[in-house]
Protein backbone atom coordinates (compact mmCIF):
# COMPACT_ATOMS: atom_id res chain seq x y z
CA MET A 1 0.00 0.00 0.00
CA LYS A 2 1.25 3.24 -0.95
CA TYR A 3 1.88 6.18 1.45
CA ILE A 4 -1.53 7.17 0.99
CA ILE A 5 -2.90 5.43 4.02
CA LEU A 6 -0.51 7.67 5.81
CA THR A 7 -2.47 10.87 5.99
CA ILE A 8 -5.66 9.19 6.84
CA SER A 9 -5.21 9.46 10.54
CA ILE A 10 -4.59 13.11 10.89
CA PHE A 11 -7.88 14.15 9.73
CA LEU A 12 -10.41 14.62 12.39
CA PHE A 13 -9.03 14.96 15.81
CA SER A 14 -7.58 17.52 18.12
CA SER A 15 -8.63 17.29 21.76
CA SER A 16 -6.89 16.25 24.91
CA VAL A 17 -6.62 12.51 25.49
CA PHE A 18 -7.99 13.16 28.96
CA SER A 19 -10.88 15.33 27.80
CA GLN A 20 -14.21 14.82 26.06
CA LYS A 21 -13.61 17.88 23.87
CA THR A 22 -13.16 16.79 20.25
CA LEU A 23 -12.03 18.39 17.06
CA LEU A 24 -15.35 17.67 15.38
CA LYS A 25 -17.03 20.09 17.76
CA ASP A 26 -14.70 22.97 16.98
CA SER A 27 -15.04 24.20 13.40
CA SER A 28 -12.03 26.52 13.63
CA ILE A 29 -9.71 23.65 14.58
CA LEU A 30 -11.25 21.49 11.85
CA VAL A 31 -10.32 24.18 9.35
CA ALA A 32 -6.82 24.39 10.81
CA VAL A 33 -6.26 20.63 10.44
CA LYS A 34 -7.43 20.69 6.83
CA GLU A 35 -5.13 23.63 6.08
CA VAL A 36 -2.17 21.81 7.64
CA MET A 37 -2.87 18.78 5.50
CA ASP A 38 -3.29 20.79 2.31
CA ALA A 39 -0.06 22.66 2.99
CA GLY A 40 1.71 19.37 3.69
CA TYR A 41 0.56 17.85 0.43
CA SER A 42 1.71 21.01 -1.34
CA LEU A 43 5.09 20.81 0.44
CA GLU A 44 4.48 24.24 1.98
CA ILE A 45 6.00 23.07 5.24
CA GLU A 46 6.46 26.44 6.95
CA LYS A 47 2.82 27.28 6.34
CA ALA A 48 1.80 23.88 7.66
CA GLN A 49 3.89 24.35 10.80
CA GLU A 50 2.12 27.63 11.51
CA GLY A 51 -1.24 25.88 11.38
CA LEU A 52 0.05 23.03 13.51
CA THR A 53 1.01 25.53 16.23
CA ALA A 54 -2.64 26.53 16.60
CA ILE A 55 -3.68 22.88 16.91
CA ARG A 56 -0.92 22.18 19.42
CA ASN A 57 -2.02 25.17 21.51
CA TYR A 58 -5.61 23.95 21.37
CA SER A 59 -4.78 20.48 22.71
CA PRO A 60 -1.07 19.70 23.11
CA ASP A 61 -1.57 16.11 24.34
CA HIS A 62 -3.96 14.95 21.64
CA PRO A 63 -2.60 12.16 19.37
CA ALA A 64 -3.45 14.36 16.38
CA VAL A 65 -0.49 16.60 17.22
CA SER A 66 2.01 13.74 17.05
CA PHE A 67 0.39 12.41 13.91
CA LEU A 68 0.47 15.75 12.13
CA GLU A 69 4.11 16.26 13.09
CA ALA A 70 4.92 12.84 11.63
CA PHE A 71 2.82 13.61 8.55
CA LEU A 72 4.81 16.76 7.84
CA ILE A 73 8.13 14.96 8.27
CA TYR A 74 6.91 12.29 5.89
CA TRP A 75 6.14 14.77 3.12
CA GLU A 76 9.01 17.18 3.71
CA TYR A 77 11.52 14.34 3.29
CA PHE A 78 9.51 12.20 0.89
CA PRO A 79 10.26 9.46 0.15
CA LEU A 80 11.14 8.67 3.75
CA TYR A 81 13.09 5.43 4.17
CA PRO A 82 14.38 3.68 7.33
CA ASP A 83 17.99 4.86 6.97
CA HIS A 84 16.99 8.50 6.50
CA ASP A 85 18.19 10.96 9.16
CA LYS A 86 14.57 11.87 9.97
CA ALA A 87 13.22 8.30 10.13
CA ASP A 88 13.80 7.90 13.88
CA GLU A 89 11.90 11.08 14.65
CA PHE A 90 9.05 9.98 12.40
CA ILE A 91 8.89 6.57 14.09
CA TYR A 92 8.94 8.12 17.57
CA LEU A 93 6.06 10.45 16.72
CA MET A 94 3.94 7.66 15.26
CA GLU A 95 4.59 5.48 18.30
CA ASP A 96 3.59 8.43 20.48
CA CYS A 97 0.36 8.78 18.52
CA ILE A 98 -0.44 5.08 19.04
CA VAL A 99 0.37 5.13 22.77
CA LYS A 100 -1.84 8.18 23.34
CA SER A 101 -4.65 6.51 21.41
CA GLU A 102 -4.30 3.32 23.44
CA ASN A 103 -4.43 5.28 26.68
CA TRP A 104 -7.56 7.01 25.48
CA LEU A 105 -9.19 3.69 24.60
CA ASP A 106 -8.32 2.34 28.05
CA LYS A 107 -10.55 5.06 29.46
CA GLU A 108 -13.22 5.14 26.72
CA ASP A 109 -13.15 1.95 24.66
CA GLU A 110 -15.83 3.10 22.21
CA GLU A 111 -14.53 6.62 21.59
CA MET A 112 -14.56 7.11 17.83
CA GLU A 113 -11.57 9.45 17.70
CA ALA A 114 -9.41 7.07 19.75
CA ILE A 115 -10.41 4.16 17.51
CA PHE A 116 -9.42 6.15 14.45
CA PHE A 117 -6.07 7.19 15.78
CA ASP A 118 -5.18 3.74 16.97
CA LEU A 119 -6.29 2.33 13.61
CA PHE A 120 -4.56 4.84 11.39
CA GLY A 121 -1.45 5.23 13.50
CA ARG A 122 -0.88 1.51 13.01
CA ALA A 123 -1.90 1.72 9.35
CA PHE A 124 0.68 4.45 8.83
CA PHE A 125 3.33 2.24 10.41
CA ILE A 126 2.35 -0.70 8.21
CA MET A 127 2.47 1.49 5.13
CA PHE A 128 5.89 2.89 6.04
CA TRP A 129 7.52 -0.48 6.72
CA ALA A 130 5.83 -2.35 3.86
CA ASP A 131 6.72 0.31 1.29
CA ASN A 132 10.32 0.07 2.43
CA GLY A 133 10.49 -3.72 2.17
CA LYS A 134 10.34 -4.35 5.94
CA SER A 135 7.14 -6.39 6.14
CA GLY A 136 8.32 -8.17 9.28
CA LYS A 137 7.86 -4.90 11.18
CA VAL A 138 4.10 -4.84 10.60
CA PHE A 139 3.06 -7.92 12.59
CA PRO A 140 2.76 -6.26 16.03
CA HIS A 141 0.03 -4.00 14.61
CA ILE A 142 -2.05 -6.45 12.57
CA ASN A 143 -4.51 -7.68 15.22
CA LYS A 144 -5.61 -4.26 16.44
CA LEU A 145 -5.62 -2.89 12.92
CA TYR A 146 -8.04 -5.62 11.85
CA ARG A 147 -10.26 -5.18 14.91
CA HIS A 148 -10.59 -1.43 14.46
CA THR A 149 -11.17 -1.83 10.71
CA LEU A 150 -14.18 -4.01 11.51
CA GLU A 151 -15.39 -1.39 13.98
CA GLY A 152 -15.12 1.14 11.18
CA PHE A 153 -17.73 -0.73 9.15
CA GLU A 154 -20.21 0.04 11.94
CA LEU A 155 -19.22 3.69 12.08
CA MET A 156 -19.50 4.65 8.40
CA HIS A 157 -22.96 6.10 8.89
CA LEU A 158 -21.57 8.44 11.52
CA PHE A 159 -18.65 9.80 9.55
CA ASN A 160 -17.90 9.53 5.83
CA GLU A 161 -14.16 9.07 6.36
CA PHE A 162 -14.83 5.50 7.53
CA TYR A 163 -15.71 4.68 3.93
CA PHE A 164 -11.99 4.82 3.23
CA THR A 165 -10.87 1.95 5.43
CA SER A 166 -13.98 -0.06 4.67
CA GLY A 167 -13.37 0.39 0.95
CA LEU A 168 -9.73 -0.60 1.19
CA TYR A 169 -10.56 -3.70 3.21
CA ASN A 170 -13.36 -4.77 0.86
CA TYR A 171 -11.11 -4.36 -2.15
CA TYR A 172 -7.84 -5.85 -0.90
CA ILE A 173 -9.23 -8.88 0.92
CA GLU A 174 -10.69 -10.10 -2.38
CA SER A 175 -8.21 -8.81 -4.95
CA TYR A 176 -5.18 -10.17 -3.11
CA ALA A 177 -6.72 -13.63 -2.96
CA ASP A 178 -7.56 -13.43 -6.66
CA LYS A 179 -3.96 -12.52 -7.51
CA HIS A 180 -2.53 -15.12 -5.09
CA PRO A 181 -4.93 -18.11 -5.03
CA VAL A 182 -2.77 -19.98 -2.53
CA TYR A 183 -4.05 -17.57 0.15
CA LYS A 184 -7.76 -18.11 -0.55
CA PRO A 185 -8.26 -20.67 2.26
CA PHE A 186 -6.60 -18.25 4.70
CA VAL A 187 -8.73 -15.30 3.52
CA LYS A 188 -11.90 -17.26 4.25
CA LEU A 189 -11.13 -16.86 7.95
CA PHE A 190 -11.77 -13.12 7.68
CA LYS A 191 -14.77 -10.95 6.91
CA LYS A 192 -15.74 -11.35 3.27
CA GLY A 193 -15.10 -8.39 1.00
CA SER A 194 -16.18 -7.17 -2.42
CA ILE A 195 -13.98 -5.58 -5.07
CA GLU A 196 -16.84 -3.65 -6.63
CA GLU A 197 -18.18 -2.44 -3.30
CA GLY A 198 -14.69 -1.46 -2.20
CA LEU A 199 -14.15 0.71 -5.26
CA ASP A 200 -17.60 2.27 -4.80
CA GLN A 201 -16.84 3.10 -1.16
CA LEU A 202 -13.51 4.68 -2.06
CA LYS A 203 -15.21 6.70 -4.79
CA PHE A 204 -17.84 7.85 -2.30
CA CYS A 205 -15.07 8.87 0.10
CA SER A 206 -13.22 10.76 -2.64
CA GLU A 207 -16.35 12.80 -3.33
CA ASN A 208 -17.90 13.23 0.11
CA SER A 209 -15.19 13.19 2.76
CA ILE A 210 -13.36 16.23 4.04
CA PHE A 211 -10.04 14.88 5.22
CA LEU A 212 -9.57 11.66 3.27
CA ARG A 213 -10.57 12.94 -0.14
CA VAL A 214 -6.91 13.10 -1.20
CA GLU A 215 -6.03 9.63 0.04
CA ALA A 216 -9.12 8.10 -1.54
CA ARG A 217 -8.19 9.61 -4.89
CA LEU A 218 -4.64 8.35 -4.59
CA PHE A 219 -5.77 4.81 -3.83
CA LEU A 220 -8.27 4.91 -6.68
CA THR A 221 -5.37 5.91 -8.91
CA LEU A 222 -3.14 3.10 -7.66
CA LEU A 223 -5.78 0.37 -7.63
CA ASN A 224 -6.95 1.16 -11.15
CA LEU A 225 -3.34 1.26 -12.32
CA ASN A 226 -1.74 -1.61 -10.39
CA TYR A 227 -4.60 -4.10 -10.20
CA GLU A 228 -7.44 -3.17 -12.54
CA ASN A 229 -5.23 -2.20 -15.51
CA ASN A 230 -7.66 0.64 -16.16
CA LEU A 231 -5.50 3.52 -17.34
CA ASP A 232 -8.43 5.80 -18.14
CA SER A 233 -9.89 5.61 -14.62
CA ALA A 234 -6.43 5.90 -13.06
CA SER A 235 -5.80 9.01 -15.16
CA ILE A 236 -8.97 10.71 -13.92
CA TYR A 237 -8.00 10.47 -10.27
CA ALA A 238 -4.31 11.18 -10.88
CA SER A 239 -5.19 14.34 -12.77
CA GLN A 240 -7.31 15.54 -9.85
CA LEU A 241 -4.37 15.10 -7.49
CA TYR A 242 -1.93 16.82 -9.83
CA ARG A 243 -4.19 19.78 -10.52
CA GLU A 244 -4.85 20.34 -6.81
CA TYR A 245 -1.23 19.81 -5.72
CA PRO A 246 0.98 20.52 -8.77
CA ASN A 247 4.05 21.09 -6.59
CA ASN A 248 3.90 17.60 -5.13
CA PRO A 249 6.41 15.61 -7.21
CA TYR A 250 4.91 12.24 -6.35
CA TYR A 251 1.46 13.22 -7.65
CA ALA A 252 2.96 14.94 -10.69
CA GLY A 253 5.08 11.90 -11.51
CA LYS A 254 2.23 9.44 -11.12
CA TYR A 255 -0.01 11.44 -13.45
CA LEU A 256 2.82 11.76 -15.97
CA GLU A 257 3.54 8.03 -15.78
CA ILE A 258 -0.08 7.25 -16.66
CA LEU A 259 -0.19 9.76 -19.53
CA LEU A 260 2.97 8.27 -21.05
CA LEU A 261 1.67 4.71 -20.67
CA ASN A 262 -1.49 5.81 -22.46
CA GLU A 263 0.62 7.57 -25.12
CA LYS A 264 -1.07 10.88 -24.40
CA PHE A 265 1.99 13.05 -24.92
CA PHE A 266 0.52 16.53 -25.38
CA PHE A 267 0.52 17.56 -21.69
CA ALA A 268 3.71 15.70 -20.75
CA PRO A 269 6.14 18.64 -21.27
CA VAL A 270 4.15 20.76 -18.82
CA ILE A 271 4.47 18.17 -16.05
CA LEU A 272 8.11 17.53 -16.90
CA LYS A 273 8.74 21.23 -16.37
CA HIS A 274 7.15 21.01 -12.92
CA LEU A 275 9.40 18.07 -12.03
CA LYS A 276 12.48 19.83 -13.40
CA ASN A 277 11.82 22.87 -11.22
CA ALA A 278 11.01 20.86 -8.10
CA ASP A 279 13.52 20.47 -5.27
CA GLY A 280 15.06 17.19 -4.18
CA ASN A 281 16.65 14.08 -5.64
CA PHE A 282 13.34 12.22 -5.87
CA ALA A 283 11.89 14.83 -8.23
CA LYS A 284 15.13 14.83 -10.25
CA MET A 285 15.01 11.04 -10.56
CA GLN A 286 11.43 11.21 -11.83
CA PHE A 287 12.32 13.99 -14.27
CA ASN A 288 15.15 11.91 -15.75
CA LEU A 289 13.05 8.75 -15.87
CA PHE A 290 9.96 10.19 -17.51
CA SER A 291 12.01 12.42 -19.81
CA ALA A 292 13.59 9.18 -21.03
CA VAL A 293 10.17 7.64 -21.66
CA TYR A 294 9.07 10.76 -23.55
CA LEU A 295 12.26 10.84 -25.63
CA GLU A 296 11.93 7.15 -26.43
CA LYS A 297 8.23 6.92 -27.24
CA LYS A 298 7.39 10.37 -28.57
CA GLU A 299 10.56 11.89 -30.02
CA ARG A 300 12.40 8.65 -30.82
CA LYS A 301 15.67 10.05 -29.51
CA LEU A 302 16.92 6.69 -28.32
CA GLU A 303 20.50 7.53 -27.39
CA GLU A 304 19.37 10.39 -25.16
CA ALA A 305 16.75 8.11 -23.66
CA ILE A 306 19.35 5.45 -22.82
CA ASP A 307 21.50 7.95 -20.92
CA LEU A 308 18.56 9.18 -18.88
CA TYR A 309 17.24 5.68 -18.19
CA GLU A 310 20.63 4.65 -16.86
CA GLU A 311 20.91 7.77 -14.70
CA ALA A 312 17.39 7.30 -13.35
CA LEU A 313 18.07 3.63 -12.59
CA ILE A 314 21.11 4.49 -10.49
CA SER A 315 19.36 7.25 -8.55
CA SER A 316 16.16 5.23 -8.00
CA ARG A 317 18.14 2.56 -6.19
CA SER A 318 19.39 5.11 -3.67
CA PHE A 319 15.91 5.23 -2.13
CA GLY A 320 15.79 1.50 -1.41
CA SER A 321 12.69 -0.65 -1.87
CA PHE A 322 10.37 2.34 -1.96
CA THR A 323 11.29 3.16 -5.56
CA ASN A 324 11.37 -0.39 -6.95
CA GLN A 325 8.67 0.45 -9.48
CA TYR A 326 10.75 3.31 -10.83
CA SER A 327 13.70 0.96 -11.24
CA ALA A 328 11.42 -1.41 -13.14
CA ILE A 329 10.27 1.38 -15.47
CA ALA A 330 13.90 2.26 -16.25
CA LEU A 331 14.81 -1.39 -16.88
CA MET A 332 11.82 -1.92 -19.16
CA GLY A 333 12.79 1.22 -21.08
CA LEU A 334 16.35 0.00 -21.53
CA GLY A 335 14.98 -3.34 -22.68
CA ARG A 336 12.71 -1.73 -25.27
CA VAL A 337 15.48 0.45 -26.69
CA ASN A 338 17.89 -2.46 -26.94
CA GLU A 339 15.19 -4.50 -28.64
CA ILE A 340 14.77 -1.73 -31.22
CA TYR A 341 18.52 -1.83 -31.85
CA GLY A 342 18.40 -5.59 -32.31
CA ASN A 343 20.27 -6.34 -29.09
CA ASN A 344 17.77 -9.04 -28.18
CA SER A 345 19.91 -10.83 -25.63
CA LYS A 346 20.58 -7.61 -23.74
CA ALA A 347 16.94 -6.60 -24.00
CA LYS A 348 15.84 -9.93 -22.58
CA SER A 349 18.23 -9.45 -19.67
CA TYR A 350 16.74 -6.06 -18.84
CA PHE A 351 13.18 -7.40 -19.04
CA LYS A 352 14.12 -10.27 -16.73
CA GLU A 353 15.73 -7.93 -14.22
CA ALA A 354 12.63 -5.71 -14.19
CA LYS A 355 10.64 -8.66 -12.82
CA LYS A 356 12.83 -8.55 -9.71
CA TYR A 357 11.49 -5.09 -8.93
CA THR A 358 7.78 -5.40 -9.69
CA SER A 359 5.03 -7.87 -10.44
CA TYR A 360 2.57 -5.30 -11.80
CA GLU A 361 1.38 -6.34 -15.23
CA TYR A 362 0.98 -2.81 -16.55
CA LEU A 363 4.73 -2.28 -16.20
CA LEU A 364 5.95 -5.68 -17.36
CA GLU A 365 3.66 -5.66 -20.40
CA ASP A 366 4.85 -2.23 -21.57
CA ARG A 367 6.98 -3.65 -24.38
């Protein structure tokens, strides 16, 4: 699961763990949380920190404060990986969020805000470790994550944001078993899901929620791209993210990736310009990678494409497992170019290596 689950938990809360006062009852703090999130997605970190100060002053001991602090670290240093200088601080803040949520649940075991923070604090952890190839780190959180996800099904009618977790569960519990039939007997031990219902719930969340609208759109992008092989639907949601947060290099790159896969080249130079002007090595890696795709497929400048593919491949590996898909795109591009030149043995080697980095059909079939 992509870092999208991450922001889910910040959304609705900002009251003391030892108080009944909640964020949902204070419209000014609700607005402040939304502004912090929007600024974080836009990488306007100083602006986000100003908004976070107001929330911290409102309720300094609420788990929302720790979560928002972790959220801003995540996006300021995106992609955040375990060896990054800021990873320890991020992990500490997420653990603090979970501990505060657990303490709250010890006092009020049906408190909706505490359930959400415990659920999404753990979900954020699972996302962080899984995206960085450390799946063994997720096991301590699985049981409570599952229990609170089931509780979320019963709370959807109270708050639209619960459609997000319910939709993800409904989709993944069925699609994963379909992709990996060996797990079907194991999946039968859990609550039955529905791929169609899951997508409908995520769509509802993307249109009707306040705080999880962005994450729902991101997951709709990724699910349609990675599992449904539906480039047109993926493009719709990716374009919404890019147009709302054009300075976010991850959203810009994902939209550009889909446009290039669909051979819709007209708007590509505009997004490439955004990536070129963005700060950070991640944006530079994406600029080199997708420039190579554009040069190969649109302009047929194969030698220039090769140089950029090779440069992007080297830089993508510096981020660890998080950027495996980008490595696969570069390897597939090098394979295609070598195939054009008649270097079939070398092309085959690149295609084979790409399979080590991804199992997504839309990437491996781009030949």
